[in-house]
């Protein structure tokens, strides 16, 4: 596969953004996204850390990341050697069926010659007037290929049973006000043990993890047309003033300014 050594080639349509990049990620420090993400990892020394998976990443692999899920790509060694293609995918009626089939959980999948060829062509199309049309066609083919690969459950690993149960409980109750005490009780561990587990695995406190997940969920609801006061309540924020402050800090804008068009931001 012949790759041009360019830092950031880009193709953008209404619902999809493609980037081919070398070097440090522009998403560094943003653990949650409002969009689904597909990373084609070309080269480098890295680990992928997600809600249901923590594995070393080999060259020429795909990383599938559903929206609103915690994730970090940990780069070792020279960051300038971190070489990848990234597709950010926003929900759209036209792709709803395919997204439901392949964006069910975070997954690391082996690539193949066809997927490599599709990304190689995308790189070659950057800068062309018809690049957006080609990106749309390739996205459908990629999602279909990923859906087929996901059937075999390849690349899905589960780690700590307590952590799995805690994440399951948090995701199931994202619209409620949760305490660390009740989550720990659900997992039959102490609060300190649960807090230590989150800090060790995710490098983030359990409280911050929950707040960020709630904020990204609220963003998507507001983006879909739900009034901000309703979205805040549906995501477990009983104090709108507190929600407003945290929302502005996370997204750099007030809920009323949240655009109806796709945005390429995660929670800071």
C-alpha atoms as a PDB file:
ATOM      1  CA  UNK A   1       0.000   0.000   0.000  1.00  0.00           C
ATOM      2  CA  UNK A   2       1.563   3.268  -1.102  1.00  0.00           C
ATOM      3  CA  UNK A   3       0.821   6.040   1.378  1.00  0.00           C
ATOM      4  CA  UNK A   4       1.561   9.695   0.836  1.00  0.00           C
ATOM      5  CA  UNK A   5       3.418  11.141   3.791  1.00  0.00           C
ATOM      6  CA  UNK A   6       0.995  14.006   4.346  1.00  0.00           C
ATOM      7  CA  UNK A   7      -0.070  15.098   7.792  1.00  0.00           C
ATOM      8  CA  UNK A   8      -3.788  15.573   7.300  1.00  0.00           C
ATOM      9  CA  UNK A   9      -5.610  14.894   4.050  1.00  0.00           C
ATOM     10  CA  UNK A  10      -9.333  15.406   4.513  1.00  0.00           C
ATOM     11  CA  UNK A  11     -12.654  14.687   2.801  1.00  0.00           C
ATOM     12  CA  UNK A  12     -15.877  15.930   4.374  1.00  0.00           C
ATOM     13  CA  UNK A  13     -19.562  15.442   3.582  1.00  0.00           C
ATOM     14  CA  UNK A  14     -22.706  16.261   5.557  1.00  0.00           C
ATOM     15  CA  UNK A  15     -22.529  13.058   7.627  1.00  0.00           C
ATOM     16  CA  UNK A  16     -18.968  11.773   7.217  1.00  0.00           C
ATOM     17  CA  UNK A  17     -15.421  13.057   7.714  1.00  0.00           C
ATOM     18  CA  UNK A  18     -12.347  11.191   6.424  1.00  0.00           C
ATOM     19  CA  UNK A  19      -8.790  12.034   7.495  1.00  0.00           C
ATOM     20  CA  UNK A  20      -5.439  10.526   6.592  1.00  0.00           C
ATOM     21  CA  UNK A  21      -2.859  11.611   9.114  1.00  0.00           C
ATOM     22  CA  UNK A  22       0.578  11.143  10.630  1.00  0.00           C
ATOM     23  CA  UNK A  23       1.598  12.335  14.080  1.00  0.00           C
ATOM     24  CA  UNK A  24      -0.257  13.290  17.242  1.00  0.00           C
ATOM     25  CA  UNK A  25      -4.030  12.957  17.172  1.00  0.00           C
ATOM     26  CA  UNK A  26      -6.125  16.137  17.124  1.00  0.00           C
ATOM     27  CA  UNK A  27      -8.592  14.240  19.335  1.00  0.00           C
ATOM     28  CA  UNK A  28      -6.063  13.719  22.124  1.00  0.00           C
ATOM     29  CA  UNK A  29      -7.731  14.203  25.503  1.00  0.00           C
ATOM     30  CA  UNK A  30     -11.271  13.696  24.159  1.00  0.00           C
ATOM     31  CA  UNK A  31     -12.413  10.350  25.491  1.00  0.00           C
ATOM     32  CA  UNK A  32     -15.993  10.479  24.200  1.00  0.00           C
ATOM     33  CA  UNK A  33     -17.346  11.496  20.777  1.00  0.00           C
ATOM     34  CA  UNK A  34     -20.746  12.456  19.432  1.00  0.00           C
ATOM     35  CA  UNK A  35     -19.957  10.460  16.285  1.00  0.00           C
ATOM     36  CA  UNK A  36     -19.104   6.847  15.457  1.00  0.00           C
ATOM     37  CA  UNK A  37     -15.467   6.331  14.530  1.00  0.00           C
ATOM     38  CA  UNK A  38     -13.531   3.871  12.373  1.00  0.00           C
ATOM     39  CA  UNK A  39      -9.738   3.944  12.616  1.00  0.00           C
ATOM     40  CA  UNK A  40      -7.594   2.145  10.068  1.00  0.00           C
ATOM     41  CA  UNK A  41      -4.304   1.782  11.941  1.00  0.00           C
ATOM     42  CA  UNK A  42      -1.463   1.746   9.413  1.00  0.00           C
ATOM     43  CA  UNK A  43       1.690   1.966  11.500  1.00  0.00           C
ATOM     44  CA  UNK A  44       3.049   2.749  14.959  1.00  0.00           C
ATOM     45  CA  UNK A  45       3.282   1.220  18.415  1.00  0.00           C
ATOM     46  CA  UNK A  46      -0.027   1.560  20.238  1.00  0.00           C
ATOM     47  CA  UNK A  47      -2.685   0.097  22.522  1.00  0.00           C
ATOM     48  CA  UNK A  48      -6.430   0.615  22.258  1.00  0.00           C
ATOM     49  CA  UNK A  49      -8.258   1.096  25.540  1.00  0.00           C
ATOM     50  CA  UNK A  50     -12.042   1.064  25.464  1.00  0.00           C
ATOM     51  CA  UNK A  51     -15.047   0.171  27.559  1.00  0.00           C
ATOM     52  CA  UNK A  52     -14.996  -3.514  26.625  1.00  0.00           C
ATOM     53  CA  UNK A  53     -11.519  -4.016  25.211  1.00  0.00           C
ATOM     54  CA  UNK A  54      -7.849  -3.318  25.949  1.00  0.00           C
ATOM     55  CA  UNK A  55      -5.417  -4.703  23.362  1.00  0.00           C
ATOM     56  CA  UNK A  56      -2.199  -3.937  21.568  1.00  0.00           C
ATOM     57  CA  UNK A  57      -2.760  -2.722  18.017  1.00  0.00           C
ATOM     58  CA  UNK A  58      -0.937  -4.250  15.064  1.00  0.00           C
ATOM     59  CA  UNK A  59      -0.434  -2.454  11.723  1.00  0.00           C
ATOM     60  CA  UNK A  60      -3.255  -2.812   9.202  1.00  0.00           C
ATOM     61  CA  UNK A  61      -6.093  -3.313  11.670  1.00  0.00           C
ATOM     62  CA  UNK A  62      -9.491  -1.662  12.042  1.00  0.00           C
ATOM     63  CA  UNK A  63     -10.763  -0.157  15.283  1.00  0.00           C
ATOM     64  CA  UNK A  64     -14.535   0.290  15.484  1.00  0.00           C
ATOM     65  CA  UNK A  65     -15.743   2.795  18.096  1.00  0.00           C
ATOM     66  CA  UNK A  66     -19.496   3.458  18.575  1.00  0.00           C
ATOM     67  CA  UNK A  67     -20.489   6.976  19.604  1.00  0.00           C
ATOM     68  CA  UNK A  68     -20.707   7.913  23.296  1.00  0.00           C
ATOM     69  CA  UNK A  69     -18.277   5.164  24.364  1.00  0.00           C
ATOM     70  CA  UNK A  70     -15.071   5.831  26.287  1.00  0.00           C
ATOM     71  CA  UNK A  71     -11.831   5.174  24.401  1.00  0.00           C
ATOM     72  CA  UNK A  72      -8.158   6.068  24.321  1.00  0.00           C
ATOM     73  CA  UNK A  73      -5.451   5.206  21.821  1.00  0.00           C
ATOM     74  CA  UNK A  74      -2.224   4.992  23.797  1.00  0.00           C
ATOM     75  CA  UNK A  75       0.771   5.750  21.568  1.00  0.00           C
ATOM     76  CA  UNK A  76       4.202   4.478  22.572  1.00  0.00           C
ATOM     77  CA  UNK A  77       7.503   5.774  21.248  1.00  0.00           C
ATOM     78  CA  UNK A  78       7.672   8.332  18.450  1.00  0.00           C
ATOM     79  CA  UNK A  79       4.218   9.883  17.941  1.00  0.00           C
ATOM     80  CA  UNK A  80       5.232  11.066  14.472  1.00  0.00           C
ATOM     81  CA  UNK A  81       5.180   7.415  13.407  1.00  0.00           C
ATOM     82  CA  UNK A  82       1.503   7.131  14.372  1.00  0.00           C
ATOM     83  CA  UNK A  83       0.026   6.679  10.879  1.00  0.00           C
ATOM     84  CA  UNK A  84      -3.696   6.135  10.362  1.00  0.00           C
ATOM     85  CA  UNK A  85      -6.875   6.838   8.451  1.00  0.00           C
ATOM     86  CA  UNK A  86      -9.939   7.908  10.411  1.00  0.00           C
ATOM     87  CA  UNK A  87     -13.606   8.049   9.453  1.00  0.00           C
ATOM     88  CA  UNK A  88     -15.961  10.027  11.721  1.00  0.00           C
ATOM     89  CA  UNK A  89     -19.518   8.959  11.009  1.00  0.00           C
ATOM     90  CA  UNK A  90     -22.644  10.794  12.152  1.00  0.00           C
ATOM     91  CA  UNK A  91     -26.033   9.104  12.363  1.00  0.00           C
ATOM     92  CA  UNK A  92     -28.117   9.405   9.211  1.00  0.00           C
ATOM     93  CA  UNK A  93     -31.326   7.667   8.043  1.00  0.00           C
ATOM     94  CA  UNK A  94     -29.588   6.341   4.931  1.00  0.00           C
ATOM     95  CA  UNK A  95     -26.968   4.468   6.989  1.00  0.00           C
ATOM     96  CA  UNK A  96     -29.098   3.589  10.018  1.00  0.00           C
ATOM     97  CA  UNK A  97     -29.371  -0.117   9.169  1.00  0.00           C
ATOM     98  CA  UNK A  98     -25.649  -0.624   8.581  1.00  0.00           C
ATOM     99  CA  UNK A  99     -24.690   1.400  11.651  1.00  0.00           C
ATOM    100  CA  UNK A 100     -26.996  -0.721  13.822  1.00  0.00           C
ATOM    101  CA  UNK A 101     -25.326  -3.871  12.479  1.00  0.00           C
ATOM    102  CA  UNK A 102     -21.694  -2.931  13.020  1.00  0.00           C
ATOM    103  CA  UNK A 103     -21.580  -0.210  15.692  1.00  0.00           C
ATOM    104  CA  UNK A 104     -22.807  -2.343  18.577  1.00  0.00           C
ATOM    105  CA  UNK A 105     -19.586  -2.354  20.627  1.00  0.00           C
ATOM    106  CA  UNK A 106     -15.927  -1.400  20.402  1.00  0.00           C
ATOM    107  CA  UNK A 107     -14.062  -3.930  18.289  1.00  0.00           C
ATOM    108  CA  UNK A 108     -10.582  -4.466  16.841  1.00  0.00           C
ATOM    109  CA  UNK A 109     -10.645  -6.344  13.549  1.00  0.00           C
ATOM    110  CA  UNK A 110      -7.986  -7.637  11.165  1.00  0.00           C
ATOM    111  CA  UNK A 111      -7.934  -5.831   7.858  1.00  0.00           C
ATOM    112  CA  UNK A 112      -7.882  -7.519   4.460  1.00  0.00           C
ATOM    113  CA  UNK A 113      -6.831  -6.668   0.919  1.00  0.00           C
ATOM    114  CA  UNK A 114     -10.210  -5.172   0.002  1.00  0.00           C
ATOM    115  CA  UNK A 115     -10.367  -2.845   3.019  1.00  0.00           C
ATOM    116  CA  UNK A 116      -6.758  -1.785   2.418  1.00  0.00           C
ATOM    117  CA  UNK A 117      -7.622  -1.006  -1.198  1.00  0.00           C
ATOM    118  CA  UNK A 118     -10.630   1.108  -0.184  1.00  0.00           C
ATOM    119  CA  UNK A 119      -8.588   3.262   2.200  1.00  0.00           C
ATOM    120  CA  UNK A 120      -5.778   3.561  -0.330  1.00  0.00           C
ATOM    121  CA  UNK A 121      -8.246   4.911  -2.875  1.00  0.00           C
ATOM    122  CA  UNK A 122      -9.742   7.329  -0.333  1.00  0.00           C
ATOM    123  CA  UNK A 123      -6.296   8.796   0.248  1.00  0.00           C
ATOM    124  CA  UNK A 124      -5.888   9.246  -3.476  1.00  0.00           C
ATOM    125  CA  UNK A 125      -9.255  11.016  -3.755  1.00  0.00           C
ATOM    126  CA  UNK A 126      -8.464  13.779  -1.246  1.00  0.00           C
ATOM    127  CA  UNK A 127      -8.482  17.121  -3.006  1.00  0.00           C
ATOM    128  CA  UNK A 128     -10.695  15.990  -5.886  1.00  0.00           C
ATOM    129  CA  UNK A 129     -14.054  17.618  -6.596  1.00  0.00           C
ATOM    130  CA  UNK A 130     -15.857  14.269  -6.522  1.00  0.00           C
ATOM    131  CA  UNK A 131     -14.154  13.094  -3.321  1.00  0.00           C
ATOM    132  CA  UNK A 132     -17.346  13.410  -1.252  1.00  0.00           C
ATOM    133  CA  UNK A 133     -19.277  11.136  -3.606  1.00  0.00           C
ATOM    134  CA  UNK A 134     -16.554   8.514  -3.422  1.00  0.00           C
ATOM    135  CA  UNK A 135     -16.380   8.782   0.382  1.00  0.00           C
ATOM    136  CA  UNK A 136     -20.106   8.055   0.602  1.00  0.00           C
ATOM    137  CA  UNK A 137     -19.769   4.947  -1.577  1.00  0.00           C
ATOM    138  CA  UNK A 138     -16.702   3.661   0.292  1.00  0.00           C
ATOM    139  CA  UNK A 139     -18.372   4.216   3.678  1.00  0.00           C
ATOM    140  CA  UNK A 140     -21.237   1.898   2.714  1.00  0.00           C
ATOM    141  CA  UNK A 141     -18.796  -0.797   1.549  1.00  0.00           C
ATOM    142  CA  UNK A 142     -16.716  -0.460   4.723  1.00  0.00           C
ATOM    143  CA  UNK A 143     -19.706  -0.669   7.048  1.00  0.00           C
ATOM    144  CA  UNK A 144     -20.944  -3.752   5.215  1.00  0.00           C
ATOM    145  CA  UNK A 145     -17.508  -5.389   5.474  1.00  0.00           C
ATOM    146  CA  UNK A 146     -17.232  -4.524   9.179  1.00  0.00           C
ATOM    147  CA  UNK A 147     -20.708  -5.921   9.855  1.00  0.00           C
ATOM    148  CA  UNK A 148     -19.661  -9.235   8.282  1.00  0.00           C
ATOM    149  CA  UNK A 149     -16.440  -9.367  10.302  1.00  0.00           C
ATOM    150  CA  UNK A 150     -18.238  -8.514  13.546  1.00  0.00           C
ATOM    151  CA  UNK A 151     -20.437 -11.601  13.205  1.00  0.00           C
ATOM    152  CA  UNK A 152     -17.531 -13.807  14.252  1.00  0.00           C
ATOM    153  CA  UNK A 153     -16.898 -11.712  17.397  1.00  0.00           C
ATOM    154  CA  UNK A 154     -13.269 -11.307  16.329  1.00  0.00           C
ATOM    155  CA  UNK A 155     -11.207  -8.940  18.450  1.00  0.00           C
ATOM    156  CA  UNK A 156     -13.687  -8.558  21.300  1.00  0.00           C
ATOM    157  CA  UNK A 157     -12.154  -9.145  24.690  1.00  0.00           C
ATOM    158  CA  UNK A 158     -13.502  -8.674  28.160  1.00  0.00           C
ATOM    159  CA  UNK A 159     -11.270  -7.907  31.094  1.00  0.00           C
ATOM    160  CA  UNK A 160     -12.404  -7.521  34.666  1.00  0.00           C
ATOM    161  CA  UNK A 161     -15.840  -8.836  35.633  1.00  0.00           C
ATOM    162  CA  UNK A 162     -16.350  -6.030  38.163  1.00  0.00           C
ATOM    163  CA  UNK A 163     -15.486  -3.377  35.596  1.00  0.00           C
ATOM    164  CA  UNK A 164     -17.786  -4.986  33.032  1.00  0.00           C
ATOM    165  CA  UNK A 165     -20.659  -4.998  35.515  1.00  0.00           C
ATOM    166  CA  UNK A 166     -20.023  -1.381  36.526  1.00  0.00           C
ATOM    167  CA  UNK A 167     -20.025  -0.234  32.895  1.00  0.00           C
ATOM    168  CA  UNK A 168     -23.171  -2.228  32.189  1.00  0.00           C
ATOM    169  CA  UNK A 169     -24.916  -0.586  35.132  1.00  0.00           C
ATOM    170  CA  UNK A 170     -23.734   2.921  34.205  1.00  0.00           C
ATOM    171  CA  UNK A 171     -24.848   2.558  30.581  1.00  0.00           C
ATOM    172  CA  UNK A 172     -28.232   1.140  31.589  1.00  0.00           C
ATOM    173  CA  UNK A 173     -28.873   3.983  34.042  1.00  0.00           C
ATOM    174  CA  UNK A 174     -27.317   6.913  32.194  1.00  0.00           C
ATOM    175  CA  UNK A 175     -30.569   8.866  32.520  1.00  0.00           C
ATOM    176  CA  UNK A 176     -30.602   8.599  36.302  1.00  0.00           C
ATOM    177  CA  UNK A 177     -28.618  10.240  39.050  1.00  0.00           C
ATOM    178  CA  UNK A 178     -26.054   7.635  40.109  1.00  0.00           C
ATOM    179  CA  UNK A 179     -23.809   7.487  43.128  1.00  0.00           C
ATOM    180  CA  UNK A 180     -20.544   5.605  43.403  1.00  0.00           C
ATOM    181  CA  UNK A 181     -22.029   3.918  46.459  1.00  0.00           C
ATOM    182  CA  UNK A 182     -24.912   2.351  44.535  1.00  0.00           C
ATOM    183  CA  UNK A 183     -22.657   1.260  41.651  1.00  0.00           C
ATOM    184  CA  UNK A 184     -20.217  -0.340  44.086  1.00  0.00           C
ATOM    185  CA  UNK A 185     -23.112  -2.087  45.831  1.00  0.00           C
ATOM    186  CA  UNK A 186     -24.357  -3.409  42.497  1.00  0.00           C
ATOM    187  CA  UNK A 187     -20.868  -4.787  41.814  1.00  0.00           C
ATOM    188  CA  UNK A 188     -20.480  -6.134  45.382  1.00  0.00           C
ATOM    189  CA  UNK A 189     -17.211  -4.262  45.965  1.00  0.00           C
ATOM    190  CA  UNK A 190     -16.203  -1.321  48.126  1.00  0.00           C
ATOM    191  CA  UNK A 191     -16.365   2.243  46.804  1.00  0.00           C
ATOM    192  CA  UNK A 192     -12.604   2.607  47.167  1.00  0.00           C
ATOM    193  CA  UNK A 193     -11.958  -0.615  45.232  1.00  0.00           C
ATOM    194  CA  UNK A 194     -14.259   0.496  42.416  1.00  0.00           C
ATOM    195  CA  UNK A 195     -12.734   3.979  42.283  1.00  0.00           C
ATOM    196  CA  UNK A 196      -9.224   2.483  42.180  1.00  0.00           C
ATOM    197  CA  UNK A 197     -10.242   0.119  39.371  1.00  0.00           C
ATOM    198  CA  UNK A 198     -11.568   2.969  37.202  1.00  0.00           C
ATOM    199  CA  UNK A 199      -8.539   5.149  37.842  1.00  0.00           C
ATOM    200  CA  UNK A 200      -6.144   2.311  37.060  1.00  0.00           C
ATOM    201  CA  UNK A 201      -7.892   1.130  33.890  1.00  0.00           C
ATOM    202  CA  UNK A 202      -9.191   4.369  32.390  1.00  0.00           C
ATOM    203  CA  UNK A 203      -6.911   6.985  33.963  1.00  0.00           C
ATOM    204  CA  UNK A 204     -10.038   8.892  34.962  1.00  0.00           C
ATOM    205  CA  UNK A 205     -12.218   9.031  38.072  1.00  0.00           C
ATOM    206  CA  UNK A 206     -15.507   7.181  37.981  1.00  0.00           C
ATOM    207  CA  UNK A 207     -17.324  10.455  38.708  1.00  0.00           C
ATOM    208  CA  UNK A 208     -15.747  12.218  35.729  1.00  0.00           C
ATOM    209  CA  UNK A 209     -16.400   9.160  33.537  1.00  0.00           C
ATOM    210  CA  UNK A 210     -20.122   9.287  34.340  1.00  0.00           C
ATOM    211  CA  UNK A 211     -20.404  13.071  33.900  1.00  0.00           C
ATOM    212  CA  UNK A 212     -18.661  12.998  30.506  1.00  0.00           C
ATOM    213  CA  UNK A 213     -20.849  10.137  29.300  1.00  0.00           C
ATOM    214  CA  UNK A 214     -23.968  12.012  30.425  1.00  0.00           C
ATOM    215  CA  UNK A 215     -22.834  15.218  28.701  1.00  0.00           C
ATOM    216  CA  UNK A 216     -22.147  13.509  25.378  1.00  0.00           C
ATOM    217  CA  UNK A 217     -25.544  11.823  25.625  1.00  0.00           C
ATOM    218  CA  UNK A 218     -27.178  15.193  26.313  1.00  0.00           C
ATOM    219  CA  UNK A 219     -25.349  16.760  23.361  1.00  0.00           C
ATOM    220  CA  UNK A 220     -26.744  14.154  20.974  1.00  0.00           C
ATOM    221  CA  UNK A 221     -30.262  14.649  22.311  1.00  0.00           C
ATOM    222  CA  UNK A 222     -30.039  18.433  21.898  1.00  0.00           C
ATOM    223  CA  UNK A 223     -28.480  17.942  18.457  1.00  0.00           C
ATOM    224  CA  UNK A 224     -31.517  15.815  17.556  1.00  0.00           C
ATOM    225  CA  UNK A 225     -33.921  18.597  18.566  1.00  0.00           C
ATOM    226  CA  UNK A 226     -34.696  17.812  22.203  1.00  0.00           C
ATOM    227  CA  UNK A 227     -34.980  21.021  24.295  1.00  0.00           C
ATOM    228  CA  UNK A 228     -31.895  21.477  26.457  1.00  0.00           C
ATOM    229  CA  UNK A 229     -33.878  21.517  29.711  1.00  0.00           C
ATOM    230  CA  UNK A 230     -35.514  18.204  28.771  1.00  0.00           C
ATOM    231  CA  UNK A 231     -32.209  16.686  27.599  1.00  0.00           C
ATOM    232  CA  UNK A 232     -30.546  17.682  30.870  1.00  0.00           C
ATOM    233  CA  UNK A 233     -33.290  16.028  32.899  1.00  0.00           C
ATOM    234  CA  UNK A 234     -33.302  12.896  30.704  1.00  0.00           C
ATOM    235  CA  UNK A 235     -29.555  12.539  31.303  1.00  0.00           C
ATOM    236  CA  UNK A 236     -29.829  12.794  35.067  1.00  0.00           C
ATOM    237  CA  UNK A 237     -28.925  16.459  35.586  1.00  0.00           C
ATOM    238  CA  UNK A 238     -31.461  17.778  38.084  1.00  0.00           C
ATOM    239  CA  UNK A 239     -29.721  21.152  38.438  1.00  0.00           C
ATOM    240  CA  UNK A 240     -29.897  22.940  35.054  1.00  0.00           C
ATOM    241  CA  UNK A 241     -27.517  25.687  36.144  1.00  0.00           C
ATOM    242  CA  UNK A 242     -24.855  23.101  36.975  1.00  0.00           C
ATOM    243  CA  UNK A 243     -25.548  21.275  33.720  1.00  0.00           C
ATOM    244  CA  UNK A 244     -25.223  24.503  31.735  1.00  0.00           C
ATOM    245  CA  UNK A 245     -21.790  25.282  33.199  1.00  0.00           C
ATOM    246  CA  UNK A 246     -20.463  21.777  32.583  1.00  0.00           C
ATOM    247  CA  UNK A 247     -21.894  21.748  29.067  1.00  0.00           C
ATOM    248  CA  UNK A 248     -20.183  25.015  28.128  1.00  0.00           C
ATOM    249  CA  UNK A 249     -16.882  23.759  29.535  1.00  0.00           C
ATOM    250  CA  UNK A 250     -17.138  20.469  27.634  1.00  0.00           C
ATOM    251  CA  UNK A 251     -18.236  21.798  24.239  1.00  0.00           C
ATOM    252  CA  UNK A 252     -17.175  25.437  24.253  1.00  0.00           C
ATOM    253  CA  UNK A 253     -20.721  26.647  23.605  1.00  0.00           C
ATOM    254  CA  UNK A 254     -24.060  26.914  25.352  1.00  0.00           C
ATOM    255  CA  UNK A 255     -26.784  24.313  24.684  1.00  0.00           C
ATOM    256  CA  UNK A 256     -28.729  26.913  22.693  1.00  0.00           C
ATOM    257  CA  UNK A 257     -25.758  27.321  20.339  1.00  0.00           C
ATOM    258  CA  UNK A 258     -25.377  23.638  19.623  1.00  0.00           C
ATOM    259  CA  UNK A 259     -25.627  23.417  15.879  1.00  0.00           C
ATOM    260  CA  UNK A 260     -28.055  21.197  14.025  1.00  0.00           C
ATOM    261  CA  UNK A 261     -25.281  20.225  11.603  1.00  0.00           C
ATOM    262  CA  UNK A 262     -22.568  17.648  12.346  1.00  0.00           C
ATOM    263  CA  UNK A 263     -19.704  18.836  14.549  1.00  0.00           C
ATOM    264  CA  UNK A 264     -16.293  17.246  14.991  1.00  0.00           C
ATOM    265  CA  UNK A 265     -15.845  17.558  18.741  1.00  0.00           C
ATOM    266  CA  UNK A 266     -15.633  15.214  21.650  1.00  0.00           C
ATOM    267  CA  UNK A 267     -15.930  16.018  25.327  1.00  0.00           C
ATOM    268  CA  UNK A 268     -12.833  17.781  26.610  1.00  0.00           C
END
